[in-house]
Amino acid sequence: MSEPVETPRLTTSEDAAPPRRSRTPLLVAAVALTAFLTFGITALLLNVLDRRQEADVPYARMVDVDVTTVDPAVWGQNFPVQYQMFLRTAEMGPTPGHGGSVETPHTPTDTDPRTIVSSSRLEEDPRLVTMWAGYAFSVDYRHARGHEFMLEDQMYTLRVTEFNQPGTCLNCHASLPAGFDELGDGDQEAGFHAMNKMSYTDAVEHFDNPISCIDCHNPDTMALQITRPAFAAGIADLKAFEGIEDYDVNRDATANEMRSFVCGQCHVEYYFDGEDKTLTFPWSNGMKLEEILGYYLMDGHIDFEHAIAGTPIIKAQHPEFEIWNEGVHASAGVSCADCHMPYQREGSYKVSNHQIQSPLLNVNASCGTCHNDSEEVLTDRVVKIQDNFMHSRDVAMDALMVFIDNLETARTDGTPAEDLALAQSYHQAAQFYIDYVYSENGFGFHADQYMMRILNDAQYFILQGELALEGGEVGTVADFLRSQGVRVELDEPEAEAAANGEG
């Protein structure tokens, strides 16, 4: 049987293959993408090359500088942009919110030739006179002017002209490496110790400039460096406390750490140790305030006896570095220089602004790098934080004034000696805490929650002291610190008694 034959049929237009689509758009897109990527890679390579050239040739060396080159004008021949910025540290003016320096006319005297000074903080807040009664700060304490005036304002403050001060005071107010080189015959450490032992009047003859380029920069590499032996020793003590031995800050610190460490050479808590008045940072017990107080209790350091309350007092200094270290910006890796010396472009170069000022005077550069809010919003946020701190600080200060009055009364009204001594130990702790946040120049911003805690603890100390005056059952300052995990080892009975207000 034959197979059926399939009848052929005509192919219609519906059965024809679909027409081929044009590849022209795809080719155009591919060419455009290739061109874009090529341009992007080329731009990136050029940018990397530009940055490498900046690193390889960061400046034109017009003059040679070394450890003895103190005058910033000489360095300015190599770094004219930075030098012109640095000259602006002489500018004065208020800061939005709190702080800054206001020009105040001054009549020259035989001991003070200045015609302009900064406004007096004692006049603004007379409670400070009471808090520091019996100490030089109760006589003269002004808002700080810029770095240009840091040596001049120290030389002519009444705290120096009317009181005998050691050469140690110059550590935070003068350009030191050249003077150390001279006093130590080329040995910086020896020069440091020699200066500390001298009287201020004798020591200042060897130092004639405020802080300069050499105090923060290596003259050979221009890298940031630590020139203050006290900081090098203090940070090594802190690292040892944290379990890191043989720490050398100029060898081991990162570049970003150095952008804060160089500031921490001066903006810190410190004291003068022993008869040689060696500048010492109390960090071997930790850097938190309660750890620093524990250190002082173990060390036995006292700055003065309070003229009204009779209390042995520890005078706080200007602990911006320690307080910054407890704040959110430090935790995020933001350095002091990021906010106070923000980067800016100068032609093809990126430089730090060497005017060294409040971030609120340059909000877009200082804050806008990380925060997308407007300048007005950012400023308002900072001022609100500062206002809240100022309120809490004033409440604590008022409580301290009442406590001092009650201590004065207790000295003559028959209050048992052991109750008075215990109350005075709480006065010492409370005043140190309040002084610590008052003398810090961030007005609560550097670590707002931490500073609120400090003020809360200060008011707790005042409450315990008031209860002690009434004969109530209270513990000791040392026990309170231990309850917070602070090491306070007072093995000798006399030391334990003194720390507990019994000596």
Protein backbone atom coordinates (compact mmCIF):
# COMPACT_ATOMS: atom_id res chain seq x y z
CA MET A 1 0.00 0.00 0.00
CA SER A 2 1.52 3.27 -1.02
CA GLU A 3 2.24 6.07 1.50
CA PRO A 4 -0.12 9.04 1.34
CA VAL A 5 1.38 11.92 -0.49
CA GLU A 6 1.42 15.25 1.45
CA THR A 7 -0.04 17.94 -0.63
CA PRO A 8 2.37 20.84 -0.93
CA ARG A 9 1.09 24.25 0.08
CA LEU A 10 2.12 27.78 -0.54
CA THR A 11 3.99 29.68 2.20
CA THR A 12 2.03 32.71 3.32
CA SER A 13 3.30 35.96 4.86
CA GLU A 14 2.15 34.78 8.29
CA ASP A 15 4.48 31.75 8.01
CA ALA A 16 7.56 33.79 7.04
CA ALA A 17 10.48 34.16 9.56
CA PRO A 18 10.31 37.37 11.64
CA PRO A 19 12.58 40.14 10.42
CA ARG A 20 15.95 40.53 12.18
CA ARG A 21 16.04 43.36 14.77
CA SER A 22 18.66 46.05 14.33
CA ARG A 23 21.69 45.76 16.66
CA THR A 24 22.62 49.38 16.28
CA PRO A 25 21.19 50.54 19.70
CA LEU A 26 23.05 47.75 21.49
CA LEU A 27 26.29 48.64 19.78
CA VAL A 28 25.83 52.29 20.63
CA ALA A 29 25.11 51.42 24.27
CA ALA A 30 28.15 49.14 24.44
CA VAL A 31 30.39 51.83 22.95
CA ALA A 32 29.00 54.43 25.39
CA LEU A 33 29.49 52.13 28.38
CA THR A 34 33.04 51.33 27.29
CA ALA A 35 33.81 55.00 26.87
CA PHE A 36 32.32 55.79 30.29
CA LEU A 37 34.31 53.05 32.01
CA THR A 38 37.46 54.10 30.21
CA PHE A 39 36.92 57.70 31.26
CA GLY A 40 36.21 56.68 34.85
CA ILE A 41 39.26 54.43 35.12
CA THR A 42 41.44 57.11 33.51
CA ALA A 43 40.11 59.74 35.93
CA LEU A 44 40.73 57.41 38.87
CA LEU A 45 44.27 56.69 37.75
CA LEU A 46 44.95 60.39 37.26
CA ASN A 47 43.53 61.11 40.72
CA VAL A 48 45.70 58.40 42.28
CA LEU A 49 48.72 59.77 40.41
CA ASP A 50 47.85 63.28 41.61
CA ARG A 51 47.60 62.09 45.21
CA ARG A 52 50.90 60.20 44.92
CA GLN A 53 52.55 63.32 43.55
CA GLU A 54 51.15 65.28 46.49
CA ALA A 55 52.70 62.76 48.84
CA ASP A 56 56.00 62.64 46.96
CA VAL A 57 56.34 66.42 46.61
CA PRO A 58 54.19 67.91 49.41
CA TYR A 59 55.97 71.25 49.43
CA ALA A 60 58.81 73.23 47.94
CA ARG A 61 61.67 73.34 50.43
CA MET A 62 62.86 76.92 50.39
CA VAL A 63 64.70 76.76 53.72
CA ASP A 64 65.98 73.99 55.95
CA VAL A 65 64.32 73.52 59.36
CA ASP A 66 65.37 71.43 62.33
CA VAL A 67 64.61 71.00 66.03
CA THR A 68 65.96 74.47 66.77
CA THR A 69 63.74 76.25 64.22
CA VAL A 70 61.16 77.82 66.49
CA ASP A 71 59.93 80.80 64.47
CA PRO A 72 56.85 79.72 62.45
CA ALA A 73 57.67 82.41 59.88
CA VAL A 74 60.71 80.38 58.83
CA TRP A 75 58.56 77.27 58.37
CA GLY A 76 56.13 79.52 56.53
CA GLN A 77 58.62 79.90 53.70
CA ASN A 78 58.09 76.19 53.00
CA PHE A 79 54.41 76.14 53.92
CA PRO A 80 52.98 79.57 53.08
CA VAL A 81 49.34 78.42 53.02
CA GLN A 82 49.47 76.81 56.44
CA TYR A 83 51.43 79.73 57.85
CA GLN A 84 48.85 82.28 56.73
CA MET A 85 46.16 80.20 58.39
CA PHE A 86 48.23 79.91 61.57
CA LEU A 87 48.56 83.69 61.79
CA ARG A 88 44.79 83.85 62.18
CA THR A 89 45.02 82.22 65.61
CA ALA A 90 45.51 85.83 66.75
CA GLU A 91 41.90 86.63 65.85
CA MET A 92 39.45 87.03 68.72
CA GLY A 93 35.70 86.76 68.82
CA PRO A 94 32.78 84.95 70.42
CA THR A 95 31.69 81.47 69.40
CA PRO A 96 28.03 80.62 68.71
CA GLY A 97 26.57 79.20 71.91
CA HIS A 98 29.31 79.31 74.52
CA GLY A 99 33.02 80.00 74.54
CA GLY A 100 35.27 82.10 72.38
CA SER A 101 37.18 85.16 73.50
CA VAL A 102 35.92 88.72 73.67
CA GLU A 103 38.36 91.64 73.39
CA THR A 104 38.56 93.48 76.69
CA PRO A 105 40.58 96.72 77.03
CA HIS A 106 43.38 96.50 79.57
CA THR A 107 45.44 99.30 81.08
CA PRO A 108 49.14 98.37 80.95
CA THR A 109 51.01 98.09 84.24
CA ASP A 110 54.63 97.61 85.23
CA THR A 111 54.11 93.84 85.23
CA ASP A 112 51.58 93.53 82.40
CA PRO A 113 52.06 95.52 79.15
CA ARG A 114 48.98 94.12 77.41
CA THR A 115 46.38 96.55 76.09
CA ILE A 116 43.89 93.83 75.12
CA VAL A 117 42.97 90.74 77.13
CA SER A 118 40.12 88.25 77.08
CA SER A 119 37.09 88.59 79.34
CA SER A 120 37.30 87.38 82.94
CA ARG A 121 35.51 84.16 83.84
CA LEU A 122 35.71 85.15 87.51
CA GLU A 123 33.63 88.23 86.81
CA GLU A 124 31.17 86.19 84.78
CA ASP A 125 30.81 83.57 87.51
CA PRO A 126 31.93 84.72 91.00
CA ARG A 127 31.24 81.21 92.34
CA LEU A 128 34.64 80.29 90.91
CA VAL A 129 36.30 82.58 93.45
CA THR A 130 34.64 80.56 96.21
CA MET A 131 35.42 77.20 94.59
CA TRP A 132 39.12 78.05 94.31
CA ALA A 133 39.46 80.07 97.53
CA GLY A 134 43.08 79.93 98.62
CA TYR A 135 44.46 79.19 95.16
CA ALA A 136 45.88 81.39 92.40
CA PHE A 137 42.96 80.68 90.06
CA SER A 138 40.68 82.62 92.40
CA VAL A 139 42.66 85.76 91.52
CA ASP A 140 42.82 85.60 87.70
CA TYR A 141 41.08 83.27 85.26
CA ARG A 142 40.08 84.36 81.75
CA HIS A 143 38.67 82.85 78.60
CA ALA A 144 41.50 81.47 76.50
CA ARG A 145 42.59 83.41 73.42
CA GLY A 146 44.05 81.72 70.34
CA HIS A 147 47.39 79.90 70.22
CA GLU A 148 49.15 83.12 69.22
CA PHE A 149 48.64 84.45 72.75
CA MET A 150 49.14 81.31 74.80
CA LEU A 151 52.60 82.27 76.09
CA GLU A 152 51.94 85.99 76.43
CA ASP A 153 48.75 85.46 78.42
CA GLN A 154 50.51 83.04 80.74
CA MET A 155 53.49 85.34 81.31
CA TYR A 156 51.28 88.22 82.42
CA THR A 157 48.47 86.50 84.28
CA LEU A 158 48.31 87.38 87.97
CA ARG A 159 48.64 83.67 88.66
CA VAL A 160 52.28 84.03 87.54
CA THR A 161 53.17 87.63 88.39
CA GLU A 162 51.80 87.42 91.96
CA PHE A 163 52.59 83.78 92.77
CA ASN A 164 55.72 81.66 92.59
CA GLN A 165 55.25 79.13 89.82
CA PRO A 166 57.57 76.39 88.49
CA GLY A 167 58.99 76.20 84.99
CA THR A 168 56.72 73.17 84.50
CA CYS A 169 53.90 75.58 83.61
CA LEU A 170 55.59 76.28 80.27
CA ASN A 171 54.92 72.74 79.02
CA CYS A 172 51.55 73.79 77.63
CA HIS A 173 52.27 77.39 76.68
CA ALA A 174 55.62 77.61 74.91
CA SER A 175 57.39 76.08 71.95
CA LEU A 176 59.68 73.62 73.71
CA PRO A 177 61.97 71.48 71.52
CA ALA A 178 64.63 74.16 70.96
CA GLY A 179 64.67 75.08 74.65
CA PHE A 180 64.84 71.42 75.65
CA ASP A 181 67.72 71.00 73.24
CA GLU A 182 69.54 73.90 74.89
CA LEU A 183 68.82 72.96 78.51
CA GLY A 184 69.57 69.28 77.93
CA ASP A 185 72.66 69.70 75.73
CA GLY A 186 70.90 67.94 72.87
CA ASP A 187 68.90 65.57 75.10
CA GLN A 188 65.18 66.46 74.94
CA GLU A 189 64.27 64.38 78.00
CA ALA A 190 67.02 65.97 80.06
CA GLY A 191 65.92 69.42 78.92
CA PHE A 192 62.35 68.63 80.00
CA HIS A 193 63.44 67.71 83.51
CA ALA A 194 65.77 70.69 83.75
CA MET A 195 62.96 73.11 82.87
CA ASN A 196 60.55 71.55 85.38
CA LYS A 197 62.99 72.11 88.23
CA MET A 198 63.48 75.79 87.42
CA SER A 199 61.37 78.69 88.60
CA TYR A 200 59.01 80.07 85.98
CA THR A 201 60.92 83.35 85.91
CA ASP A 202 64.19 81.59 85.13
CA ALA A 203 62.75 79.01 82.77
CA VAL A 204 60.85 81.45 80.55
CA GLU A 205 64.13 83.08 79.58
CA HIS A 206 64.82 80.00 77.45
CA PHE A 207 61.49 80.04 75.60
CA ASP A 208 60.31 83.00 73.58
CA ASN A 209 57.62 81.62 71.28
CA PRO A 210 54.17 80.13 71.79
CA ILE A 211 53.48 76.73 70.29
CA SER A 212 54.97 76.48 66.80
CA CYS A 213 55.29 74.06 63.90
CA ILE A 214 58.14 72.16 65.54
CA ASP A 215 55.94 71.22 68.49
CA CYS A 216 53.77 68.95 66.31
CA HIS A 217 55.79 68.18 63.17
CA ASN A 218 58.96 66.22 62.52
CA PRO A 219 61.25 68.73 60.75
CA ASP A 220 62.64 66.06 58.42
CA THR A 221 59.47 64.26 57.32
CA MET A 222 56.79 66.76 58.40
CA ALA A 223 54.89 63.84 59.93
CA LEU A 224 53.09 64.51 63.18
CA GLN A 225 55.19 63.73 66.22
CA ILE A 226 55.00 63.90 70.01
CA THR A 227 57.50 66.36 71.50
CA ARG A 228 56.24 66.40 75.11
CA PRO A 229 57.90 63.73 77.25
CA ALA A 230 54.99 63.87 79.70
CA PHE A 231 52.52 62.76 77.03
CA ALA A 232 54.83 60.03 75.79
CA ALA A 233 55.14 58.68 79.34
CA GLY A 234 51.45 59.13 80.11
CA ILE A 235 50.15 57.35 77.02
CA ALA A 236 52.64 54.53 77.63
CA ASP A 237 51.25 54.22 81.18
CA LEU A 238 47.71 54.11 79.81
CA LYS A 239 48.62 51.46 77.25
CA ALA A 240 50.29 49.38 79.96
CA PHE A 241 47.08 49.67 82.01
CA GLU A 242 45.25 48.36 78.94
CA GLY A 243 47.71 45.45 78.62
CA ILE A 244 50.00 46.88 75.93
CA GLU A 245 53.62 46.92 77.06
CA ASP A 246 56.59 48.87 75.66
CA TYR A 247 54.40 51.40 73.85
CA ASP A 248 56.33 54.11 72.01
CA VAL A 249 53.89 56.72 70.74
CA ASN A 250 56.09 58.03 67.94
CA ARG A 251 56.71 54.47 66.75
CA ASP A 252 53.37 52.78 67.38
CA ALA A 253 50.59 55.36 66.99
CA THR A 254 48.62 55.44 63.76
CA ALA A 255 48.48 58.56 61.59
CA ASN A 256 44.86 59.14 62.62
CA GLU A 257 45.66 58.74 66.32
CA MET A 258 48.39 61.33 65.99
CA ARG A 259 45.80 63.84 64.76
CA SER A 260 44.48 63.78 68.34
CA PHE A 261 47.61 62.84 70.26
CA VAL A 262 49.47 66.01 69.30
CA CYS A 263 46.58 68.01 70.81
CA GLY A 264 46.57 65.78 73.89
CA GLN A 265 50.08 66.95 74.72
CA CYS A 266 48.54 70.04 76.31
CA HIS A 267 44.73 69.77 76.44
CA VAL A 268 44.78 67.29 79.32
CA GLU A 269 44.54 66.70 83.05
CA TYR A 270 47.97 66.74 84.72
CA TYR A 271 49.82 67.53 87.94
CA PHE A 272 53.32 68.48 89.10
CA ASP A 273 54.91 65.50 90.81
CA GLY A 274 57.35 65.73 93.69
CA GLU A 275 59.92 68.34 94.57
CA ASP A 276 61.17 68.39 90.97
CA LYS A 277 57.66 69.44 89.79
CA THR A 278 57.75 66.83 87.02
CA LEU A 279 54.78 67.22 84.71
CA THR A 280 52.81 63.97 85.03
CA PHE A 281 49.64 62.67 83.39
CA PRO A 282 47.65 60.52 85.88
CA TRP A 283 46.73 57.74 83.43
CA SER A 284 48.36 54.63 84.89
CA ASN A 285 45.03 53.79 86.56
CA GLY A 286 42.95 54.53 83.45
CA MET A 287 41.75 57.71 81.77
CA LYS A 288 38.17 57.94 83.02
CA LEU A 289 37.60 60.58 85.70
CA GLU A 290 36.81 58.07 88.43
CA GLU A 291 40.04 56.24 87.58
CA ILE A 292 41.99 59.50 87.72
CA LEU A 293 40.51 60.33 91.14
CA GLY A 294 41.47 56.83 92.29
CA TYR A 295 45.01 57.52 91.08
CA TYR A 296 45.18 60.75 93.08
CA LEU A 297 43.86 59.06 96.22
CA MET A 298 46.61 56.45 95.94
CA ASP A 299 49.26 59.03 95.06
CA GLY A 300 48.24 61.46 97.79
CA HIS A 301 48.61 64.49 95.51
CA ILE A 302 47.06 67.74 96.78
CA ASP A 303 47.20 71.17 95.10
CA PHE A 304 46.01 73.44 97.91
CA GLU A 305 43.96 73.68 101.08
CA HIS A 306 40.59 75.32 100.62
CA ALA A 307 40.62 78.65 102.46
CA ILE A 308 36.99 78.40 103.55
CA ALA A 309 36.28 74.69 104.03
CA GLY A 310 39.78 73.58 105.08
CA THR A 311 39.62 70.73 102.57
CA PRO A 312 42.72 69.43 100.76
CA ILE A 313 41.84 70.14 97.12
CA ILE A 314 42.89 68.60 93.80
CA LYS A 315 42.76 71.29 91.08
CA ALA A 316 41.51 70.04 87.72
CA GLN A 317 43.22 71.39 84.61
CA HIS A 318 41.82 71.39 81.04
CA PRO A 319 40.95 67.76 80.20
CA GLU A 320 39.62 68.10 76.66
CA PHE A 321 41.57 65.02 75.52
CA GLU A 322 40.26 62.74 78.26
CA ILE A 323 36.66 63.87 77.84
CA TRP A 324 36.78 63.67 74.02
CA ASN A 325 38.02 60.11 74.46
CA GLU A 326 34.71 59.19 76.12
CA GLY A 327 32.53 60.71 73.40
CA VAL A 328 30.78 59.40 70.31
CA HIS A 329 33.17 61.18 67.94
CA ALA A 330 36.22 59.46 69.39
CA SER A 331 34.40 56.12 69.18
CA ALA A 332 33.74 56.81 65.50
CA GLY A 333 37.41 57.55 64.82
CA VAL A 334 36.94 61.30 64.49
CA SER A 335 40.10 63.10 65.60
CA CYS A 336 40.54 66.52 67.20
CA ALA A 337 41.99 67.86 63.95
CA ASP A 338 39.02 66.62 61.90
CA CYS A 339 36.80 69.16 63.66
CA HIS A 340 39.18 71.90 64.83
CA MET A 341 41.54 71.80 61.82
CA PRO A 342 39.33 70.48 59.00
CA TYR A 343 40.76 69.68 55.60
CA GLN A 344 40.27 72.14 52.77
CA ARG A 345 41.40 72.31 49.18
CA GLU A 346 44.12 74.70 48.11
CA GLY A 347 44.55 74.27 44.38
CA SER A 348 45.38 70.61 43.80
CA TYR A 349 46.35 70.07 47.43
CA LYS A 350 44.40 69.10 50.52
CA VAL A 351 45.61 70.86 53.67
CA SER A 352 44.50 71.09 57.28
CA ASN A 353 43.22 74.48 58.34
CA HIS A 354 45.82 75.71 60.82
CA GLN A 355 43.67 78.46 62.31
CA ILE A 356 42.73 75.93 65.02
CA GLN A 357 39.32 77.16 66.13
CA SER A 358 35.88 76.08 67.26
CA PRO A 359 34.07 73.92 64.70
CA LEU A 360 31.08 76.25 65.11
CA LEU A 361 33.06 78.92 63.28
CA ASN A 362 33.42 76.66 60.24
CA VAL A 363 30.46 74.28 60.45
CA ASN A 364 30.29 73.19 56.82
CA ALA A 365 33.92 72.10 56.74
CA SER A 366 34.06 70.70 60.28
CA CYS A 367 30.66 69.01 60.59
CA GLY A 368 29.34 68.89 57.04
CA THR A 369 31.89 66.28 56.02
CA CYS A 370 29.88 63.66 57.92
CA HIS A 371 26.51 65.29 58.64
CA ASN A 372 24.07 66.19 55.87
CA ASP A 373 22.04 68.66 57.91
CA SER A 374 22.17 72.39 57.30
CA GLU A 375 24.61 74.65 59.11
CA GLU A 376 21.74 76.11 61.12
CA VAL A 377 20.46 72.69 62.23
CA LEU A 378 23.95 71.50 63.22
CA THR A 379 24.72 74.69 65.14
CA ASP A 380 21.39 74.53 66.99
CA ARG A 381 22.08 70.91 67.92
CA VAL A 382 25.46 71.77 69.44
CA VAL A 383 24.13 74.81 71.29
CA LYS A 384 21.27 72.76 72.77
CA ILE A 385 23.73 70.17 74.07
CA GLN A 386 25.82 72.95 75.59
CA ASP A 387 22.79 74.68 77.11
CA ASN A 388 21.68 71.45 78.80
CA PHE A 389 25.17 70.94 80.16
CA MET A 390 25.39 74.51 81.43
CA HIS A 391 22.10 74.10 83.28
CA SER A 392 23.26 70.89 84.97
CA ARG A 393 26.67 72.39 85.74
CA ASP A 394 25.07 75.44 87.38
CA VAL A 395 22.81 73.26 89.54
CA ALA A 396 25.84 71.30 90.73
CA MET A 397 27.82 74.51 91.33
CA ASP A 398 25.01 75.97 93.44
CA ALA A 399 24.92 72.81 95.54
CA LEU A 400 28.71 73.01 95.97
CA MET A 401 28.46 76.60 97.21
CA VAL A 402 25.96 75.55 99.91
CA PHE A 403 28.16 72.61 100.86
CA ILE A 404 31.21 74.86 101.26
CA ASP A 405 29.19 77.22 103.49
CA ASN A 406 28.09 74.27 105.62
CA LEU A 407 31.66 73.01 105.90
CA GLU A 408 32.78 76.46 107.05
CA THR A 409 30.11 76.41 109.76
CA ALA A 410 30.97 72.86 110.78
CA ARG A 411 34.59 73.82 111.44
CA THR A 412 33.51 75.98 114.39
CA ASP A 413 30.17 74.61 115.60
CA GLY A 414 31.37 71.51 117.39
CA THR A 415 30.84 69.01 114.58
CA PRO A 416 32.84 65.88 115.48
CA ALA A 417 36.24 65.88 113.79
CA GLU A 418 35.71 62.50 112.16
CA ASP A 419 32.40 63.64 110.64
CA LEU A 420 33.98 66.85 109.37
CA ALA A 421 36.94 64.97 107.88
CA LEU A 422 34.67 62.52 106.09
CA ALA A 423 32.56 65.38 104.74
CA GLN A 424 35.73 67.13 103.52
CA SER A 425 36.76 63.99 101.63
CA TYR A 426 33.44 64.19 99.78
CA HIS A 427 34.01 67.90 99.17
CA GLN A 428 37.37 67.06 97.61
CA ALA A 429 35.76 64.55 95.25
CA ALA A 430 32.75 66.72 94.37
CA GLN A 431 34.83 69.81 93.67
CA PHE A 432 37.32 67.88 91.57
CA TYR A 433 34.48 66.50 89.45
CA ILE A 434 32.78 69.88 88.98
CA ASP A 435 36.08 71.64 88.35
CA TYR A 436 36.96 68.95 85.80
CA VAL A 437 33.95 69.70 83.60
CA TYR A 438 34.07 73.45 84.26
CA SER A 439 37.70 73.78 83.19
CA GLU A 440 37.14 71.69 80.05
CA ASN A 441 36.56 73.97 77.07
CA GLY A 442 33.91 72.03 75.14
CA PHE A 443 31.01 73.17 77.35
CA GLY A 444 29.59 69.68 77.44
CA PHE A 445 29.80 68.84 73.74
CA HIS A 446 32.83 66.55 73.56
CA ALA A 447 31.04 63.79 75.53
CA ASP A 448 27.68 65.09 76.67
CA GLN A 449 26.31 61.95 78.36
CA TYR A 450 29.61 61.26 80.11
CA MET A 451 29.73 64.80 81.49
CA MET A 452 26.16 64.51 82.75
CA ARG A 453 27.23 61.38 84.61
CA ILE A 454 30.14 63.28 86.13
CA LEU A 455 27.79 66.00 87.40
CA ASN A 456 25.40 63.40 88.79
CA ASP A 457 28.26 61.77 90.70
CA ALA A 458 29.37 65.19 91.95
CA GLN A 459 25.94 65.86 93.41
CA TYR A 460 25.98 62.40 94.98
CA PHE A 461 29.28 63.30 96.67
CA ILE A 462 27.74 66.54 97.96
CA LEU A 463 24.73 64.67 99.33
CA GLN A 464 26.96 62.14 101.09
CA GLY A 465 29.07 64.95 102.51
CA GLU A 466 26.04 66.78 103.85
CA LEU A 467 24.85 63.54 105.48
CA ALA A 468 28.31 63.07 107.02
CA LEU A 469 28.07 66.53 108.62
CA GLU A 470 24.80 65.42 110.21
CA GLY A 471 26.42 62.30 111.60
CA GLY A 472 24.64 59.99 109.17
CA GLU A 473 25.83 56.57 108.10
CA VAL A 474 27.74 57.04 104.85
CA GLY A 475 30.44 55.13 103.07
CA THR A 476 33.72 56.48 101.76
CA VAL A 477 34.79 57.97 98.45
CA ALA A 478 37.26 55.12 97.96
CA ASP A 479 34.50 52.54 98.44
CA PHE A 480 32.29 54.37 95.94
CA LEU A 481 35.07 54.28 93.35
CA ARG A 482 35.71 50.61 94.00
CA SER A 483 32.01 49.90 93.43
CA GLN A 484 32.52 51.30 89.92
CA GLY A 485 35.41 48.94 89.25
CA VAL A 486 38.16 51.46 89.94
CA ARG A 487 41.41 50.27 91.44
CA VAL A 488 42.00 52.08 94.75
CA GLU A 489 44.72 50.32 96.71
CA LEU A 490 45.44 52.00 100.03
CA ASP A 491 47.47 49.46 101.95
CA GLU A 492 48.90 51.77 104.57
CA PRO A 493 46.47 52.66 107.38
CA GLU A 494 47.49 56.32 107.17
CA ALA A 495 46.77 56.48 103.43
CA GLU A 496 43.41 54.75 103.86
CA ALA A 497 42.46 57.15 106.64
CA ALA A 498 43.50 60.20 104.62
CA ALA A 499 41.50 59.05 101.58
CA ASN A 500 38.48 58.41 103.76
CA GLY A 501 38.70 61.80 105.46
CA GLU A 502 40.00 60.48 108.76
CA GLY A 503 43.48 61.91 108.72
